[in-house]
Amino acid sequence: MTPVIRSAALLSALAAGWLVAWQFGLREVDRSPVYGFFITALLGFGLYASTSGIVIAEFRRQLRTVVIAVTLGVLAKVALIFGVMFFAFRDPAYLILAVAVAQIDPLSVAAMHAKSRMSDSAKALLSAWASFDDPITVLLTVYITAFALRGGAVGGVGTFAVNLVLNLALAGVAFALWALVRGRVRRAEAGGRATRYAVRAVMVVAVLAVGFVAVQYSLLLALALLGLFFRPNLGRWVDGLAQAGMFAAIAAVGLVLAAEFSWVLAGVGAVLGAAAFGAQAVVAFALTVPKRWRGDRVRLALGQQNGLTAIILALLLEPTFPGAIAVVAPAVVVVNLLHAVANGVYDRVAPARPAPVPVPVPPRGPKRVPRVPLNPVPQPTPAYRVKPTP
């Protein structure tokens, strides 16, 4: 998909959501429990799809960088985005909006995973970064909202701690069950086609069951952890569903934007989106060593994408920060358009990654062992002539 086609598809999805909201007069769609469940389910699927595509060996190798990215990296991005917003508008309350767009949308990353030209190491880093920076963003929202609004907070530290424990508990139960059946699943995968399909169907049902509980009680971190070990072999289905989910998410943004749109706030959102895209570039270059990430630094720098996480945080902030949705929704659109255009241009001008040269391995034939007779015949002792004594 070329940058022009992808950008047109994103705008078409946004326009479709906008037209549906305008045609049916959906003015407060963001307050509907159905809409809330829908976007939360899409976000949960994005978290699972993103982590289920991670190469585990590369994830372990990049664990230190991932931890830095989702902690110090998020803080650095918030500081950079807020610096731009404060310089442009001189309003300290925009610190909250900087938090809302500081994370990377895991659903968008999962949708682009299969077609990306990154190495496996870079894909693992970006996928893990997108999947695990959400809890840090939520925690920042708790503290920074109280600071910026001087008393109006979106929750409490105790609530966040309880939610984190419940997430770990749900993921722990799922891992224990997986440890019990893992051997049987692997043996069944080696069987016939009907057996393989039956096992995969049962695993999909199990993922959906855990996903329903996670979405119902907002335990989305558990879904991100679930994708690291519980992976039904569905081929390209996950990538296709992730792309469909990404466009559904953009359409959901259009549903909200139809009632909240303002040209003034849209301009603020455009600045916010450009600042978020630029902050990712700065932080990614700071986190990656040139020698280690020579072919992936630019792609990681152009990896910022926003979507459902930003919208959910904007919905949380809207009661105490009116206009949050009207600013964050255009920012999401701007970030995704910048991502599509910048990555498309870079794919055209960047040299193709050289394919790994296979090392010739000499054919290993059967090792020749000298044959030893079972009953060796004793050889006669050679006769020596003894010189007679004179």
Protein backbone atom coordinates (compact mmCIF):
# COMPACT_ATOMS: atom_id res chain seq x y z
CA MET A 1 0.00 0.00 0.00
CA THR A 2 1.57 3.27 -1.14
CA PRO A 3 1.62 6.35 1.13
CA VAL A 4 -1.01 8.08 -1.03
CA ILE A 5 -3.36 5.09 -0.94
CA ARG A 6 -2.88 4.57 2.81
CA SER A 7 -3.44 8.24 3.57
CA ALA A 8 -6.58 8.24 1.39
CA ALA A 9 -7.81 5.09 3.17
CA LEU A 10 -7.29 6.67 6.60
CA LEU A 11 -9.13 9.83 5.56
CA SER A 12 -11.92 7.74 4.03
CA ALA A 13 -12.36 5.80 7.28
CA LEU A 14 -12.45 9.07 9.21
CA ALA A 15 -15.00 10.54 6.78
CA ALA A 16 -17.14 7.40 7.03
CA GLY A 17 -17.37 7.72 10.80
CA TRP A 18 -18.06 11.44 10.49
CA LEU A 19 -20.88 10.89 7.94
CA VAL A 20 -22.53 8.17 10.05
CA ALA A 21 -22.53 10.44 13.10
CA TRP A 22 -23.85 13.38 11.05
CA GLN A 23 -26.52 11.33 9.24
CA PHE A 24 -27.96 9.78 12.39
CA GLY A 25 -27.42 12.77 14.66
CA LEU A 26 -25.00 11.02 17.00
CA ARG A 27 -23.95 13.97 19.14
CA GLU A 28 -22.86 12.23 22.36
CA VAL A 29 -21.60 8.95 21.01
CA ASP A 30 -18.58 9.02 23.32
CA ARG A 31 -20.87 8.72 26.35
CA SER A 32 -22.52 5.55 25.06
CA PRO A 33 -21.54 2.33 26.89
CA VAL A 34 -21.62 0.50 23.55
CA TYR A 35 -19.06 2.90 22.10
CA GLY A 36 -16.93 2.58 25.23
CA PHE A 37 -16.94 -1.22 25.03
CA PHE A 38 -16.21 -1.12 21.29
CA ILE A 39 -13.14 1.09 21.49
CA THR A 40 -11.86 -0.74 24.56
CA ALA A 41 -12.22 -4.05 22.73
CA LEU A 42 -10.33 -2.65 19.74
CA LEU A 43 -7.58 -1.39 22.04
CA GLY A 44 -7.35 -4.77 23.77
CA PHE A 45 -7.10 -6.56 20.43
CA GLY A 46 -4.38 -4.14 19.39
CA LEU A 47 -2.37 -4.90 22.52
CA TYR A 48 -2.72 -8.65 21.99
CA ALA A 49 -1.97 -8.50 18.26
CA SER A 50 1.08 -6.35 18.83
CA THR A 51 2.71 -8.59 21.44
CA SER A 52 1.71 -11.85 19.71
CA GLY A 53 3.85 -10.79 16.73
CA ILE A 54 6.98 -10.24 18.82
CA VAL A 55 9.88 -12.62 18.28
CA ILE A 56 10.49 -13.74 21.86
CA ALA A 57 14.23 -14.24 21.44
CA GLU A 58 14.57 -10.66 20.15
CA PHE A 59 12.29 -9.38 22.92
CA ARG A 60 14.56 -10.89 25.58
CA ARG A 61 17.60 -9.45 23.84
CA GLN A 62 16.05 -5.96 23.77
CA LEU A 63 14.42 -6.08 27.22
CA ARG A 64 16.68 -3.41 28.70
CA THR A 65 15.95 -1.00 25.84
CA VAL A 66 12.22 -1.73 26.11
CA VAL A 67 12.20 -0.90 29.83
CA ILE A 68 14.01 2.39 29.19
CA ALA A 69 11.66 3.23 26.30
CA VAL A 70 8.45 2.72 28.28
CA THR A 71 9.71 4.63 31.32
CA LEU A 72 12.29 7.32 30.62
CA GLY A 73 11.34 7.38 26.95
CA VAL A 74 7.70 8.19 27.73
CA LEU A 75 8.73 10.92 30.17
CA ALA A 76 11.08 12.44 27.60
CA LYS A 77 8.37 12.42 24.93
CA VAL A 78 5.90 14.11 27.29
CA ALA A 79 8.46 16.80 28.09
CA LEU A 80 9.25 17.44 24.42
CA ILE A 81 5.60 17.56 23.34
CA PHE A 82 4.67 19.85 26.21
CA GLY A 83 7.61 22.10 25.41
CA VAL A 84 6.29 22.64 21.89
CA MET A 85 2.70 23.17 23.08
CA PHE A 86 3.70 25.62 25.81
CA PHE A 87 5.92 27.57 23.42
CA ALA A 88 3.05 27.79 20.92
CA PHE A 89 0.10 28.47 23.24
CA ARG A 90 1.52 29.43 26.68
CA ASP A 91 -1.01 27.20 28.47
CA PRO A 92 0.26 24.77 31.16
CA ALA A 93 -2.95 22.73 30.91
CA TYR A 94 -1.70 21.34 27.58
CA LEU A 95 0.62 19.13 29.62
CA ILE A 96 -2.32 16.72 29.90
CA LEU A 97 -2.72 16.52 26.14
CA ALA A 98 0.99 15.82 25.82
CA VAL A 99 0.47 12.77 28.04
CA ALA A 100 -2.53 11.63 25.97
CA VAL A 101 -0.49 11.34 22.76
CA ALA A 102 2.89 10.32 24.20
CA GLN A 103 2.30 6.58 23.77
CA ILE A 104 2.39 4.59 20.53
CA ASP A 105 -0.83 2.91 19.41
CA PRO A 106 -0.33 -0.89 19.51
CA LEU A 107 -3.17 -1.61 17.07
CA SER A 108 -1.57 0.56 14.37
CA VAL A 109 1.82 -1.04 15.01
CA ALA A 110 0.30 -4.51 14.74
CA ALA A 111 -1.40 -3.57 11.47
CA MET A 112 1.89 -2.44 9.93
CA HIS A 113 3.97 -5.28 11.43
CA ALA A 114 3.81 -7.70 8.49
CA LYS A 115 4.69 -5.10 5.81
CA SER A 116 7.42 -3.33 7.75
CA ARG A 117 10.99 -3.45 6.46
CA MET A 118 12.46 -3.36 9.95
CA SER A 119 14.64 -6.12 11.29
CA ASP A 120 13.19 -8.58 13.80
CA SER A 121 15.01 -6.74 16.59
CA ALA A 122 13.46 -3.39 15.64
CA LYS A 123 9.99 -4.95 15.25
CA ALA A 124 10.29 -6.51 18.71
CA LEU A 125 11.40 -3.19 20.21
CA LEU A 126 8.63 -1.13 18.60
CA SER A 127 5.90 -3.70 19.34
CA ALA A 128 6.90 -4.00 22.99
CA TRP A 129 7.26 -0.22 23.24
CA ALA A 130 3.75 0.25 21.86
CA SER A 131 2.25 -2.46 24.08
CA PHE A 132 3.73 -1.56 27.45
CA ASP A 133 3.88 2.23 27.45
CA ASP A 134 0.11 2.49 28.05
CA PRO A 135 0.28 1.78 31.83
CA ILE A 136 2.99 4.41 32.21
CA THR A 137 0.82 6.90 30.31
CA VAL A 138 -2.16 6.16 32.55
CA LEU A 139 -0.02 6.63 35.65
CA LEU A 140 1.25 9.94 34.31
CA THR A 141 -2.34 10.98 33.64
CA VAL A 142 -3.17 10.45 37.31
CA TYR A 143 -0.37 12.69 38.56
CA ILE A 144 -0.15 15.30 35.82
CA THR A 145 -3.90 15.89 35.68
CA ALA A 146 -3.88 16.74 39.37
CA PHE A 147 -0.93 19.09 38.81
CA ALA A 148 -2.23 20.82 35.68
CA LEU A 149 -5.82 21.23 36.86
CA ARG A 150 -4.81 21.90 40.49
CA GLY A 151 -7.03 19.34 42.10
CA GLY A 152 -9.13 17.70 39.41
CA ALA A 153 -7.72 14.21 38.96
CA VAL A 154 -8.89 11.33 36.82
CA GLY A 155 -8.55 8.60 39.42
CA GLY A 156 -6.09 7.74 42.17
CA VAL A 157 -2.87 5.89 42.80
CA GLY A 158 -4.71 3.23 44.82
CA THR A 159 -7.06 2.53 41.92
CA PHE A 160 -4.13 2.18 39.55
CA ALA A 161 -2.33 -0.21 41.94
CA VAL A 162 -5.42 -2.42 42.31
CA ASN A 163 -5.90 -2.46 38.53
CA LEU A 164 -2.25 -3.46 38.04
CA VAL A 165 -2.57 -6.34 40.52
CA LEU A 166 -5.74 -7.58 38.81
CA ASN A 167 -4.01 -7.44 35.43
CA LEU A 168 -1.10 -9.51 36.70
CA ALA A 169 -3.49 -11.96 38.36
CA LEU A 170 -5.48 -12.52 35.15
CA ALA A 171 -2.30 -12.94 33.12
CA GLY A 172 -0.90 -15.31 35.78
CA VAL A 173 -3.99 -17.54 35.69
CA ALA A 174 -3.83 -17.66 31.89
CA PHE A 175 -0.13 -18.56 32.00
CA ALA A 176 -0.73 -21.33 34.55
CA LEU A 177 -3.42 -22.86 32.34
CA TRP A 178 -1.16 -22.57 29.32
CA ALA A 179 1.69 -24.31 31.18
CA LEU A 180 -0.65 -27.23 31.93
CA VAL A 181 -1.82 -27.77 28.35
CA ARG A 182 1.25 -26.62 26.42
CA GLY A 183 2.64 -30.11 25.89
CA ARG A 184 -0.67 -31.50 24.67
CA VAL A 185 -1.17 -28.59 22.30
CA ARG A 186 2.24 -29.12 20.73
CA ARG A 187 1.58 -32.83 20.27
CA ALA A 188 -1.80 -32.07 18.72
CA GLU A 189 -0.22 -29.54 16.34
CA ALA A 190 1.95 -32.37 15.02
CA GLY A 191 -1.14 -34.46 14.21
CA GLY A 192 -3.57 -34.36 11.33
CA ARG A 193 -5.23 -31.30 9.81
CA ALA A 194 -8.56 -31.80 11.61
CA THR A 195 -6.79 -32.07 14.96
CA ARG A 196 -4.74 -28.92 14.31
CA TYR A 197 -7.81 -26.91 13.35
CA ALA A 198 -9.73 -28.13 16.38
CA VAL A 199 -6.89 -27.18 18.73
CA ARG A 200 -6.57 -23.73 17.16
CA ALA A 201 -10.31 -23.18 17.43
CA VAL A 202 -10.22 -24.02 21.14
CA MET A 203 -7.27 -21.66 21.64
CA VAL A 204 -9.10 -18.83 19.85
CA VAL A 205 -12.13 -19.37 22.09
CA ALA A 206 -9.84 -19.24 25.13
CA VAL A 207 -8.28 -15.96 23.93
CA LEU A 208 -11.75 -14.49 23.32
CA ALA A 209 -12.87 -15.54 26.81
CA VAL A 210 -9.85 -13.93 28.46
CA GLY A 211 -10.28 -10.90 26.20
CA PHE A 212 -13.92 -10.46 27.19
CA VAL A 213 -13.03 -10.48 30.88
CA ALA A 214 -10.14 -8.08 30.27
CA VAL A 215 -12.30 -5.63 28.28
CA GLN A 216 -15.24 -5.86 30.68
CA TYR A 217 -13.05 -4.93 33.65
CA SER A 218 -10.47 -2.78 31.81
CA LEU A 219 -7.61 -5.23 32.39
CA LEU A 220 -5.93 -4.59 29.06
CA LEU A 221 -2.36 -5.06 30.27
CA ALA A 222 -3.24 -8.73 30.80
CA LEU A 223 -3.98 -9.03 27.07
CA ALA A 224 -0.57 -7.59 26.23
CA LEU A 225 1.09 -10.17 28.51
CA LEU A 226 -1.13 -12.93 27.08
CA GLY A 227 0.24 -12.28 23.60
CA LEU A 228 3.76 -13.13 24.76
CA PHE A 229 2.99 -16.81 25.34
CA PHE A 230 -0.54 -17.79 24.23
CA ARG A 231 -0.41 -17.69 20.43
CA PRO A 232 -2.77 -19.71 18.24
CA ASN A 233 -1.18 -20.31 14.85
CA LEU A 234 -3.61 -18.32 12.67
CA GLY A 235 -1.25 -17.40 9.86
CA ARG A 236 -2.06 -14.02 8.30
CA TRP A 237 -5.46 -13.72 9.95
CA VAL A 238 -4.08 -11.67 12.85
CA ASP A 239 -2.37 -9.20 10.50
CA GLY A 240 -5.51 -8.83 8.41
CA LEU A 241 -7.72 -8.32 11.45
CA ALA A 242 -5.25 -5.79 12.85
CA GLN A 243 -5.45 -3.72 9.66
CA ALA A 244 -9.25 -3.88 9.70
CA GLY A 245 -9.23 -2.87 13.37
CA MET A 246 -7.00 0.10 12.65
CA PHE A 247 -9.45 1.51 10.09
CA ALA A 248 -12.36 0.77 12.44
CA ALA A 249 -10.55 2.76 15.11
CA ILE A 250 -10.10 5.74 12.77
CA ALA A 251 -13.82 5.54 11.92
CA ALA A 252 -14.56 5.58 15.66
CA VAL A 253 -12.48 8.76 15.90
CA GLY A 254 -14.69 10.25 13.18
CA LEU A 255 -17.82 9.43 15.20
CA VAL A 256 -16.54 11.54 18.07
CA LEU A 257 -15.00 14.25 15.94
CA ALA A 258 -18.30 14.99 14.16
CA ALA A 259 -19.83 16.43 17.34
CA GLU A 260 -16.68 17.94 18.85
CA PHE A 261 -15.04 19.51 15.80
CA SER A 262 -13.76 23.07 15.98
CA TRP A 263 -11.39 24.70 13.50
CA VAL A 264 -9.51 26.44 16.28
CA LEU A 265 -9.09 23.28 18.33
CA ALA A 266 -8.28 21.31 15.17
CA GLY A 267 -5.34 23.69 14.62
CA VAL A 268 -4.18 23.00 18.17
CA GLY A 269 -4.54 19.29 17.48
CA ALA A 270 -2.43 19.58 14.33
CA VAL A 271 0.39 21.18 16.33
CA LEU A 272 0.00 18.49 19.00
CA GLY A 273 0.21 15.70 16.42
CA ALA A 274 3.27 17.17 14.75
CA ALA A 275 4.96 17.57 18.14
CA ALA A 276 4.21 13.94 19.06
CA PHE A 277 5.65 12.70 15.77
CA GLY A 278 8.79 14.79 16.22
CA ALA A 279 9.23 13.74 19.85
CA GLN A 280 9.28 10.08 18.82
CA ALA A 281 12.08 10.83 16.37
CA VAL A 282 14.20 12.55 19.04
CA VAL A 283 13.70 9.84 21.67
CA ALA A 284 14.21 6.96 19.24
CA PHE A 285 17.52 8.41 18.05
CA ALA A 286 18.60 8.88 21.68
CA LEU A 287 17.74 5.29 22.64
CA THR A 288 19.37 3.54 19.69
CA VAL A 289 23.10 3.20 19.19
CA PRO A 290 24.16 3.89 15.58
CA LYS A 291 26.35 0.81 15.29
CA ARG A 292 23.70 -1.56 16.69
CA TRP A 293 20.66 -0.07 14.91
CA ARG A 294 22.27 1.21 11.73
CA GLY A 295 19.51 0.05 9.39
CA ASP A 296 16.57 0.68 11.73
CA ARG A 297 17.16 4.02 13.50
CA VAL A 298 15.21 6.08 10.97
CA ARG A 299 12.32 3.60 10.85
CA LEU A 300 12.09 3.60 14.65
CA ALA A 301 12.24 7.40 14.61
CA LEU A 302 9.30 7.45 12.16
CA GLY A 303 7.36 4.89 14.21
CA GLN A 304 4.99 7.19 16.12
CA GLN A 305 1.34 6.26 15.63
CA ASN A 306 -1.67 7.23 17.72
CA GLY A 307 -5.15 5.83 17.94
CA LEU A 308 -7.42 4.26 20.50
CA THR A 309 -5.26 4.82 23.58
CA ALA A 310 -5.16 8.55 22.93
CA ILE A 311 -8.92 8.64 22.32
CA ILE A 312 -9.65 6.70 25.53
CA LEU A 313 -7.47 9.06 27.55
CA ALA A 314 -9.19 12.03 25.90
CA LEU A 315 -12.58 10.59 26.84
CA LEU A 316 -11.36 10.25 30.43
CA LEU A 317 -10.11 13.84 30.43
CA GLU A 318 -13.14 15.40 28.74
CA PRO A 319 -15.28 15.90 31.91
CA THR A 320 -12.52 17.86 33.68
CA PHE A 321 -10.80 19.24 30.58
CA PRO A 322 -13.50 20.24 28.05
CA GLY A 323 -12.22 20.19 24.49
CA ALA A 324 -9.76 17.33 25.01
CA ILE A 325 -11.44 15.17 22.37
CA ALA A 326 -11.67 18.06 19.89
CA VAL A 327 -7.88 18.50 20.18
CA VAL A 328 -6.70 14.88 20.51
CA ALA A 329 -8.83 13.47 17.65
CA PRO A 330 -7.29 15.77 14.98
CA ALA A 331 -3.88 15.07 16.51
CA VAL A 332 -4.44 11.33 15.97
CA VAL A 333 -5.30 11.95 12.32
CA VAL A 334 -2.25 14.20 11.78
CA VAL A 335 0.13 11.69 13.40
CA ASN A 336 -1.15 8.82 11.27
CA LEU A 337 -0.94 10.86 8.08
CA LEU A 338 2.61 11.94 8.92
CA HIS A 339 3.50 8.32 9.62
CA ALA A 340 2.08 7.11 6.31
CA VAL A 341 3.75 9.81 4.21
CA ALA A 342 7.13 9.84 5.99
CA ASN A 343 7.53 6.06 5.99
CA GLY A 344 6.40 5.80 2.38
CA VAL A 345 8.93 8.41 1.26
CA TYR A 346 11.70 6.79 3.27
CA ASP A 347 10.88 3.37 1.78
CA ARG A 348 11.42 4.88 -1.67
CA VAL A 349 14.70 6.67 -0.98
CA ALA A 350 16.30 4.29 1.50
CA PRO A 351 18.52 1.53 0.14
CA ALA A 352 17.02 -1.91 0.35
CA ARG A 353 18.19 -4.01 3.26
CA PRO A 354 20.67 -6.55 1.87
CA ALA A 355 19.50 -10.08 2.13
CA PRO A 356 21.60 -12.24 4.42
CA VAL A 357 24.22 -14.15 2.46
CA PRO A 358 23.95 -17.84 3.24
CA VAL A 359 27.19 -19.35 4.44
CA PRO A 360 28.01 -22.45 2.39
CA VAL A 361 28.08 -25.51 4.55
CA PRO A 362 29.92 -28.55 3.23
CA PRO A 363 27.63 -31.55 2.81
CA ARG A 364 27.78 -33.83 5.75
CA GLY A 365 27.91 -37.36 4.49
CA PRO A 366 27.83 -40.46 6.63
CA LYS A 367 30.89 -40.72 8.78
CA ARG A 368 33.10 -43.57 7.58
CA VAL A 369 34.13 -45.89 10.34
CA PRO A 370 36.80 -48.51 9.61
CA ARG A 371 35.36 -51.95 9.57
CA VAL A 372 36.73 -54.25 12.19
CA PRO A 373 36.19 -57.99 11.69
CA LEU A 374 34.20 -59.64 14.40
CA ASN A 375 36.59 -62.59 14.67
CA PRO A 376 40.00 -61.30 13.60
CA VAL A 377 42.31 -64.03 12.31
CA PRO A 378 45.62 -64.00 14.20
CA GLN A 379 48.52 -63.25 11.91
CA PRO A 380 51.49 -65.62 12.02
CA THR A 381 54.52 -64.33 13.81
CA PRO A 382 57.25 -63.56 11.30
CA ALA A 383 60.21 -65.95 11.49
CA TYR A 384 63.58 -64.42 12.10
CA ARG A 385 66.77 -66.02 10.97
CA VAL A 386 69.25 -66.42 13.79
CA LYS A 387 72.83 -66.09 12.78
CA PRO A 388 74.71 -69.22 13.96
CA THR A 389 77.50 -68.76 16.46
CA PRO A 390 80.93 -69.68 15.03
